[in-house]
Amino acid sequence: MRSASFDLMTKIRKALLLDLDGTLVATDELHFEATMKVLPEFGLSMDRATYMAKIHGGANDDIKRYLFGAKGESVGTEYVTRKETAFRELLASVPTVPGAVELLDRARRAGVALAVVTNAPRENADLLLAPLGGENAFDAVILGDELEHGKPHPLPYLHALECLGVEAVNACGFEDSVNGVTALVAARVFAEGIGAAPYDQALRHAGAEQVVEDLGWEHLRKIDLLEVILGRA
């Protein structure tokens, strides 16, 4: 006799894998502001171009190594703690990216599995998922911060695919950072970039198949694979 969990896994054939910060919720500017606020406390400074190339969408462990290197784990951990605290203090509300809620609704109507795959720490993720229905609104929530490797390593996306029981060829991923697109490409998942000019070129260079400004259906309806996954939902 087959179990209910076995039946569920055999029915799940397709999935959408979505980053959180900047992809589903519009928080990129707040992360930048928090970073610019905290860096001087550690005697550091950075322009936006360097931030976008080296920090945006990265795992906190990688950011610590980039910023502090040989200075050790303790100062890097202190920086991350202060930066994430500063970010949450700026988070008066959590606006969703245009089209995000509609896309999630379409996927659910089509019976498509949904996974959030993020480098955000747990405390941030809980806050950012709230306007999207919370963690229980998704089939899986994967935190790179709790795995051996975060993005740009493919492990978070490979783990999401494993949790959902979906082959990479049957998934469509959405990312707004070079680190995220790199992770999707390495996991062999179709990478849809979310970003406006001029950063869209960096996403394409990282391997994004297409880049759209936001998740509005007028943009997404042109993605052939997404039409296959969602059908007429």
C-alpha atoms as a PDB file:
ATOM      1  CA  MET A   1       0.000   0.000   0.000  1.00  0.00           C
ATOM      2  CA  ARG A   2       1.407   3.381  -0.992  1.00  0.00           C
ATOM      3  CA  SER A   3       1.692   6.105   1.618  1.00  0.00           C
ATOM      4  CA  ALA A   4       0.180   9.575   1.197  1.00  0.00           C
ATOM      5  CA  SER A   5       3.697  11.066   1.120  1.00  0.00           C
ATOM      6  CA  PHE A   6       4.624   8.730  -1.754  1.00  0.00           C
ATOM      7  CA  ASP A   7       1.552   9.843  -3.706  1.00  0.00           C
ATOM      8  CA  LEU A   8       2.436  13.497  -3.124  1.00  0.00           C
ATOM      9  CA  MET A   9       6.001  13.065  -4.357  1.00  0.00           C
ATOM     10  CA  THR A  10       4.909  11.216  -7.491  1.00  0.00           C
ATOM     11  CA  LYS A  11       2.466  13.999  -8.355  1.00  0.00           C
ATOM     12  CA  ILE A  12       4.986  16.817  -8.014  1.00  0.00           C
ATOM     13  CA  ARG A  13       6.639  17.104 -11.414  1.00  0.00           C
ATOM     14  CA  LYS A  14       7.343  20.808 -11.824  1.00  0.00           C
ATOM     15  CA  ALA A  15       8.492  23.611  -9.575  1.00  0.00           C
ATOM     16  CA  LEU A  16       9.283  27.266  -9.253  1.00  0.00           C
ATOM     17  CA  LEU A  17      12.377  28.036  -7.188  1.00  0.00           C
ATOM     18  CA  LEU A  18      12.455  31.624  -5.993  1.00  0.00           C
ATOM     19  CA  ASP A  19      14.966  33.795  -4.228  1.00  0.00           C
ATOM     20  CA  LEU A  20      13.464  36.004  -1.496  1.00  0.00           C
ATOM     21  CA  ASP A  21      15.295  39.340  -1.056  1.00  0.00           C
ATOM     22  CA  GLY A  22      14.903  41.452  -4.179  1.00  0.00           C
ATOM     23  CA  THR A  23      13.010  38.743  -6.074  1.00  0.00           C
ATOM     24  CA  LEU A  24       9.797  38.250  -4.098  1.00  0.00           C
ATOM     25  CA  VAL A  25      10.164  41.204  -1.715  1.00  0.00           C
ATOM     26  CA  ALA A  26      11.624  44.629  -2.548  1.00  0.00           C
ATOM     27  CA  THR A  27      14.402  44.877   0.035  1.00  0.00           C
ATOM     28  CA  ASP A  28      17.555  45.448  -2.024  1.00  0.00           C
ATOM     29  CA  GLU A  29      17.877  49.146  -1.198  1.00  0.00           C
ATOM     30  CA  LEU A  30      17.436  48.444   2.508  1.00  0.00           C
ATOM     31  CA  HIS A  31      20.258  45.887   2.449  1.00  0.00           C
ATOM     32  CA  PHE A  32      22.482  48.404   0.662  1.00  0.00           C
ATOM     33  CA  GLU A  33      21.584  51.127   3.159  1.00  0.00           C
ATOM     34  CA  ALA A  34      22.280  48.838   6.117  1.00  0.00           C
ATOM     35  CA  THR A  35      25.630  47.820   4.649  1.00  0.00           C
ATOM     36  CA  MET A  36      26.672  51.426   4.041  1.00  0.00           C
ATOM     37  CA  LYS A  37      25.654  52.280   7.625  1.00  0.00           C
ATOM     38  CA  VAL A  38      27.636  49.502   9.290  1.00  0.00           C
ATOM     39  CA  LEU A  39      30.811  49.317   7.168  1.00  0.00           C
ATOM     40  CA  PRO A  40      32.309  52.557   8.616  1.00  0.00           C
ATOM     41  CA  GLU A  41      31.943  51.081  12.108  1.00  0.00           C
ATOM     42  CA  PHE A  42      34.614  48.593  10.995  1.00  0.00           C
ATOM     43  CA  GLY A  43      36.778  51.144   9.200  1.00  0.00           C
ATOM     44  CA  LEU A  44      35.552  50.095   5.765  1.00  0.00           C
ATOM     45  CA  SER A  45      33.862  51.806   2.822  1.00  0.00           C
ATOM     46  CA  MET A  46      32.533  50.620  -0.520  1.00  0.00           C
ATOM     47  CA  ASP A  47      30.916  52.063  -3.642  1.00  0.00           C
ATOM     48  CA  ARG A  48      27.714  50.660  -5.128  1.00  0.00           C
ATOM     49  CA  ALA A  49      29.484  48.930  -8.025  1.00  0.00           C
ATOM     50  CA  THR A  50      31.683  46.960  -5.620  1.00  0.00           C
ATOM     51  CA  TYR A  51      28.686  46.174  -3.438  1.00  0.00           C
ATOM     52  CA  MET A  52      26.751  44.786  -6.395  1.00  0.00           C
ATOM     53  CA  ALA A  53      29.718  42.725  -7.578  1.00  0.00           C
ATOM     54  CA  LYS A  54      30.935  41.383  -4.244  1.00  0.00           C
ATOM     55  CA  ILE A  55      28.160  41.591  -1.639  1.00  0.00           C
ATOM     56  CA  HIS A  56      24.710  41.615  -3.286  1.00  0.00           C
ATOM     57  CA  GLY A  57      22.980  38.257  -2.888  1.00  0.00           C
ATOM     58  CA  GLY A  58      26.001  36.628  -1.259  1.00  0.00           C
ATOM     59  CA  ALA A  59      26.104  34.250   1.688  1.00  0.00           C
ATOM     60  CA  ASN A  60      27.110  35.888   4.943  1.00  0.00           C
ATOM     61  CA  ASP A  61      30.036  33.487   5.396  1.00  0.00           C
ATOM     62  CA  ASP A  62      31.395  34.504   1.981  1.00  0.00           C
ATOM     63  CA  ILE A  63      30.837  38.191   2.754  1.00  0.00           C
ATOM     64  CA  LYS A  64      32.770  37.832   6.024  1.00  0.00           C
ATOM     65  CA  ARG A  65      35.713  36.254   4.214  1.00  0.00           C
ATOM     66  CA  TYR A  66      35.674  38.928   1.514  1.00  0.00           C
ATOM     67  CA  LEU A  67      35.571  41.843   3.953  1.00  0.00           C
ATOM     68  CA  PHE A  68      37.834  40.610   6.735  1.00  0.00           C
ATOM     69  CA  GLY A  69      39.859  37.658   5.469  1.00  0.00           C
ATOM     70  CA  ALA A  70      42.730  37.038   7.862  1.00  0.00           C
ATOM     71  CA  LYS A  71      41.225  39.201  10.622  1.00  0.00           C
ATOM     72  CA  GLY A  72      39.361  36.148  11.794  1.00  0.00           C
ATOM     73  CA  GLU A  73      35.883  34.813  12.370  1.00  0.00           C
ATOM     74  CA  SER A  74      34.941  36.954  15.369  1.00  0.00           C
ATOM     75  CA  VAL A  75      35.080  40.368  13.685  1.00  0.00           C
ATOM     76  CA  GLY A  76      33.239  39.026  10.652  1.00  0.00           C
ATOM     77  CA  THR A  77      30.502  37.549  12.818  1.00  0.00           C
ATOM     78  CA  GLU A  78      30.148  40.850  14.665  1.00  0.00           C
ATOM     79  CA  TYR A  79      29.829  42.707  11.356  1.00  0.00           C
ATOM     80  CA  VAL A  80      27.115  40.344  10.093  1.00  0.00           C
ATOM     81  CA  THR A  81      25.189  40.649  13.370  1.00  0.00           C
ATOM     82  CA  ARG A  82      25.245  44.453  13.244  1.00  0.00           C
ATOM     83  CA  LYS A  83      24.410  44.630   9.553  1.00  0.00           C
ATOM     84  CA  GLU A  84      21.435  42.268   9.786  1.00  0.00           C
ATOM     85  CA  THR A  85      20.184  44.102  12.881  1.00  0.00           C
ATOM     86  CA  ALA A  86      20.462  47.420  11.009  1.00  0.00           C
ATOM     87  CA  PHE A  87      18.541  45.900   8.097  1.00  0.00           C
ATOM     88  CA  ARG A  88      15.688  44.741  10.320  1.00  0.00           C
ATOM     89  CA  GLU A  89      15.527  48.158  11.985  1.00  0.00           C
ATOM     90  CA  LEU A  90      15.001  49.725   8.550  1.00  0.00           C
ATOM     91  CA  LEU A  91      12.255  47.239   7.713  1.00  0.00           C
ATOM     92  CA  ALA A  92       9.155  49.243   8.606  1.00  0.00           C
ATOM     93  CA  SER A  93       7.153  47.187   6.072  1.00  0.00           C
ATOM     94  CA  VAL A  94       7.842  44.452   3.545  1.00  0.00           C
ATOM     95  CA  PRO A  95       6.634  45.432   0.056  1.00  0.00           C
ATOM     96  CA  THR A  96       6.312  42.581  -2.408  1.00  0.00           C
ATOM     97  CA  VAL A  97       7.849  42.844  -5.860  1.00  0.00           C
ATOM     98  CA  PRO A  98       5.223  43.653  -8.529  1.00  0.00           C
ATOM     99  CA  GLY A  99       3.657  40.432  -9.786  1.00  0.00           C
ATOM    100  CA  ALA A 100       5.055  38.222  -7.011  1.00  0.00           C
ATOM    101  CA  VAL A 101       1.738  37.356  -5.349  1.00  0.00           C
ATOM    102  CA  GLU A 102       0.049  36.730  -8.717  1.00  0.00           C
ATOM    103  CA  LEU A 103       2.848  34.392  -9.829  1.00  0.00           C
ATOM    104  CA  LEU A 104       2.617  32.376  -6.614  1.00  0.00           C
ATOM    105  CA  ASP A 105      -1.171  32.137  -7.013  1.00  0.00           C
ATOM    106  CA  ARG A 106      -0.817  30.938 -10.617  1.00  0.00           C
ATOM    107  CA  ALA A 107       1.659  28.269  -9.543  1.00  0.00           C
ATOM    108  CA  ARG A 108      -0.608  27.001  -6.775  1.00  0.00           C
ATOM    109  CA  ARG A 109      -3.600  26.816  -9.147  1.00  0.00           C
ATOM    110  CA  ALA A 110      -1.474  24.753 -11.531  1.00  0.00           C
ATOM    111  CA  GLY A 111      -0.369  22.379  -8.775  1.00  0.00           C
ATOM    112  CA  VAL A 112       3.250  23.459  -9.188  1.00  0.00           C
ATOM    113  CA  ALA A 113       5.600  23.094  -6.220  1.00  0.00           C
ATOM    114  CA  LEU A 114       7.026  26.281  -4.740  1.00  0.00           C
ATOM    115  CA  ALA A 115      10.324  26.694  -2.942  1.00  0.00           C
ATOM    116  CA  VAL A 116      11.950  29.795  -1.522  1.00  0.00           C
ATOM    117  CA  VAL A 117      15.736  29.522  -1.714  1.00  0.00           C
ATOM    118  CA  THR A 118      17.522  32.299   0.133  1.00  0.00           C
ATOM    119  CA  ASN A 119      20.812  33.233   1.783  1.00  0.00           C
ATOM    120  CA  ALA A 120      18.869  35.250   4.383  1.00  0.00           C
ATOM    121  CA  PRO A 121      19.307  34.252   8.028  1.00  0.00           C
ATOM    122  CA  ARG A 122      16.286  32.689   9.730  1.00  0.00           C
ATOM    123  CA  GLU A 123      15.241  35.854  11.594  1.00  0.00           C
ATOM    124  CA  ASN A 124      15.167  37.851   8.352  1.00  0.00           C
ATOM    125  CA  ALA A 125      13.430  35.117   6.373  1.00  0.00           C
ATOM    126  CA  ASP A 126      10.596  34.846   8.894  1.00  0.00           C
ATOM    127  CA  LEU A 127       9.903  38.587   8.574  1.00  0.00           C
ATOM    128  CA  LEU A 128      10.143  38.658   4.787  1.00  0.00           C
ATOM    129  CA  LEU A 129       7.921  35.622   4.240  1.00  0.00           C
ATOM    130  CA  ALA A 130       5.058  37.104   6.278  1.00  0.00           C
ATOM    131  CA  PRO A 131       3.464  39.155   3.441  1.00  0.00           C
ATOM    132  CA  LEU A 132       3.662  36.078   1.205  1.00  0.00           C
ATOM    133  CA  GLY A 133       1.715  33.891   3.602  1.00  0.00           C
ATOM    134  CA  GLY A 134       4.582  32.728   5.800  1.00  0.00           C
ATOM    135  CA  GLU A 135       6.747  29.630   5.548  1.00  0.00           C
ATOM    136  CA  ASN A 136       3.746  27.304   5.379  1.00  0.00           C
ATOM    137  CA  ALA A 137       2.646  28.926   2.113  1.00  0.00           C
ATOM    138  CA  PHE A 138       5.548  27.151   0.372  1.00  0.00           C
ATOM    139  CA  ASP A 139       6.402  23.502  -0.156  1.00  0.00           C
ATOM    140  CA  ALA A 140       9.966  24.177   0.973  1.00  0.00           C
ATOM    141  CA  VAL A 141      11.971  27.065   2.392  1.00  0.00           C
ATOM    142  CA  ILE A 142      15.703  26.542   1.973  1.00  0.00           C
ATOM    143  CA  LEU A 143      18.100  28.754   3.922  1.00  0.00           C
ATOM    144  CA  GLY A 144      21.626  28.751   2.550  1.00  0.00           C
ATOM    145  CA  ASP A 145      22.680  30.186   5.909  1.00  0.00           C
ATOM    146  CA  GLU A 146      21.822  26.803   7.477  1.00  0.00           C
ATOM    147  CA  LEU A 147      23.589  24.637   4.880  1.00  0.00           C
ATOM    148  CA  GLU A 148      27.266  23.848   4.425  1.00  0.00           C
ATOM    149  CA  HIS A 149      27.323  26.250   1.475  1.00  0.00           C
ATOM    150  CA  GLY A 150      25.098  29.173   0.462  1.00  0.00           C
ATOM    151  CA  LYS A 151      24.786  30.763  -2.955  1.00  0.00           C
ATOM    152  CA  PRO A 152      26.694  31.107  -5.278  1.00  0.00           C
ATOM    153  CA  HIS A 153      27.272  27.421  -4.516  1.00  0.00           C
ATOM    154  CA  PRO A 154      24.522  25.286  -6.112  1.00  0.00           C
ATOM    155  CA  LEU A 155      23.832  23.359  -2.889  1.00  0.00           C
ATOM    156  CA  PRO A 156      20.767  25.404  -1.805  1.00  0.00           C
ATOM    157  CA  TYR A 157      19.072  24.801  -5.159  1.00  0.00           C
ATOM    158  CA  LEU A 158      20.114  21.163  -5.319  1.00  0.00           C
ATOM    159  CA  HIS A 159      18.681  20.713  -1.830  1.00  0.00           C
ATOM    160  CA  ALA A 160      15.421  22.384  -2.902  1.00  0.00           C
ATOM    161  CA  LEU A 161      15.069  20.056  -5.881  1.00  0.00           C
ATOM    162  CA  GLU A 162      15.706  17.053  -3.653  1.00  0.00           C
ATOM    163  CA  CYS A 163      13.159  18.194  -1.086  1.00  0.00           C
ATOM    164  CA  LEU A 164      10.506  18.696  -3.762  1.00  0.00           C
ATOM    165  CA  GLY A 165      11.306  15.549  -5.722  1.00  0.00           C
ATOM    166  CA  VAL A 166      11.651  17.551  -8.938  1.00  0.00           C
ATOM    167  CA  GLU A 167      14.248  17.185 -11.686  1.00  0.00           C
ATOM    168  CA  ALA A 168      16.201  20.315 -12.566  1.00  0.00           C
ATOM    169  CA  VAL A 169      14.873  20.239 -16.128  1.00  0.00           C
ATOM    170  CA  ASN A 170      11.334  20.658 -14.777  1.00  0.00           C
ATOM    171  CA  ALA A 171      12.096  23.704 -12.644  1.00  0.00           C
ATOM    172  CA  CYS A 172      12.308  27.423 -13.301  1.00  0.00           C
ATOM    173  CA  GLY A 173      14.391  29.609 -11.003  1.00  0.00           C
ATOM    174  CA  PHE A 174      14.117  33.338 -10.302  1.00  0.00           C
ATOM    175  CA  GLU A 175      17.030  35.419  -9.015  1.00  0.00           C
ATOM    176  CA  ASP A 176      17.956  39.094  -8.788  1.00  0.00           C
ATOM    177  CA  SER A 177      21.682  38.677  -8.046  1.00  0.00           C
ATOM    178  CA  VAL A 178      24.753  37.364  -9.842  1.00  0.00           C
ATOM    179  CA  ASN A 179      25.395  35.031  -6.904  1.00  0.00           C
ATOM    180  CA  GLY A 180      21.897  33.592  -7.216  1.00  0.00           C
ATOM    181  CA  VAL A 181      22.002  33.176 -10.994  1.00  0.00           C
ATOM    182  CA  THR A 182      25.392  31.486 -10.676  1.00  0.00           C
ATOM    183  CA  ALA A 183      23.906  29.013  -8.193  1.00  0.00           C
ATOM    184  CA  LEU A 184      20.951  28.230 -10.481  1.00  0.00           C
ATOM    185  CA  VAL A 185      23.178  27.682 -13.503  1.00  0.00           C
ATOM    186  CA  ALA A 186      25.482  25.386 -11.526  1.00  0.00           C
ATOM    187  CA  ALA A 187      22.414  23.399 -10.402  1.00  0.00           C
ATOM    188  CA  ARG A 188      21.344  23.139 -14.066  1.00  0.00           C
ATOM    189  CA  VAL A 189      18.089  24.996 -13.401  1.00  0.00           C
ATOM    190  CA  PHE A 190      16.678  27.492 -15.914  1.00  0.00           C
ATOM    191  CA  ALA A 191      17.671  30.896 -14.541  1.00  0.00           C
ATOM    192  CA  GLU A 192      15.334  33.845 -14.950  1.00  0.00           C
ATOM    193  CA  GLY A 193      16.975  37.093 -13.912  1.00  0.00           C
ATOM    194  CA  ILE A 194      15.053  39.875 -12.181  1.00  0.00           C
ATOM    195  CA  GLY A 195      16.652  43.287 -12.590  1.00  0.00           C
ATOM    196  CA  ALA A 196      16.629  46.618 -14.353  1.00  0.00           C
ATOM    197  CA  ALA A 197      19.349  48.191 -16.496  1.00  0.00           C
ATOM    198  CA  PRO A 198      22.296  48.345 -16.188  1.00  0.00           C
ATOM    199  CA  TYR A 199      22.455  45.391 -13.766  1.00  0.00           C
ATOM    200  CA  ASP A 200      20.528  43.210 -16.210  1.00  0.00           C
ATOM    201  CA  GLN A 201      23.727  42.808 -18.233  1.00  0.00           C
ATOM    202  CA  ALA A 202      25.549  41.364 -15.228  1.00  0.00           C
ATOM    203  CA  LEU A 203      22.733  38.837 -14.732  1.00  0.00           C
ATOM    204  CA  ARG A 204      22.934  37.776 -18.372  1.00  0.00           C
ATOM    205  CA  HIS A 205      26.707  37.460 -18.132  1.00  0.00           C
ATOM    206  CA  ALA A 206      26.253  35.185 -15.095  1.00  0.00           C
ATOM    207  CA  GLY A 207      24.054  32.890 -17.182  1.00  0.00           C
ATOM    208  CA  ALA A 208      20.470  34.132 -16.893  1.00  0.00           C
ATOM    209  CA  GLU A 209      18.465  32.849 -19.840  1.00  0.00           C
ATOM    210  CA  GLN A 210      16.304  35.978 -19.786  1.00  0.00           C
ATOM    211  CA  VAL A 211      16.033  39.069 -17.591  1.00  0.00           C
ATOM    212  CA  VAL A 212      12.842  40.931 -16.738  1.00  0.00           C
ATOM    213  CA  GLU A 213      12.325  44.057 -14.648  1.00  0.00           C
ATOM    214  CA  ASP A 214       9.924  42.458 -12.179  1.00  0.00           C
ATOM    215  CA  LEU A 215       7.487  39.537 -11.859  1.00  0.00           C
ATOM    216  CA  GLY A 216       4.621  41.226 -13.695  1.00  0.00           C
ATOM    217  CA  TRP A 217       2.755  38.719 -15.846  1.00  0.00           C
ATOM    218  CA  GLU A 218       3.199  40.916 -18.930  1.00  0.00           C
ATOM    219  CA  HIS A 219       6.917  40.060 -18.670  1.00  0.00           C
ATOM    220  CA  LEU A 220       6.698  36.452 -17.496  1.00  0.00           C
ATOM    221  CA  ARG A 221       4.158  35.286 -20.058  1.00  0.00           C
ATOM    222  CA  LYS A 222       6.934  35.507 -22.675  1.00  0.00           C
ATOM    223  CA  ILE A 223       9.032  32.814 -20.949  1.00  0.00           C
ATOM    224  CA  ASP A 224       8.434  29.580 -22.852  1.00  0.00           C
ATOM    225  CA  LEU A 225       9.467  27.233 -20.036  1.00  0.00           C
ATOM    226  CA  LEU A 226       7.244  29.031 -17.538  1.00  0.00           C
ATOM    227  CA  GLU A 227       4.269  28.570 -19.869  1.00  0.00           C
ATOM    228  CA  VAL A 228       5.034  24.836 -19.995  1.00  0.00           C
ATOM    229  CA  ILE A 229       5.278  24.610 -16.204  1.00  0.00           C
ATOM    230  CA  LEU A 230       2.185  26.655 -15.401  1.00  0.00           C
ATOM    231  CA  GLY A 231       0.017  25.627 -18.331  1.00  0.00           C
ATOM    232  CA  ARG A 232      -3.041  27.859 -18.566  1.00  0.00           C
ATOM    233  CA  ALA A 233      -3.117  28.750 -14.857  1.00  0.00           C
END
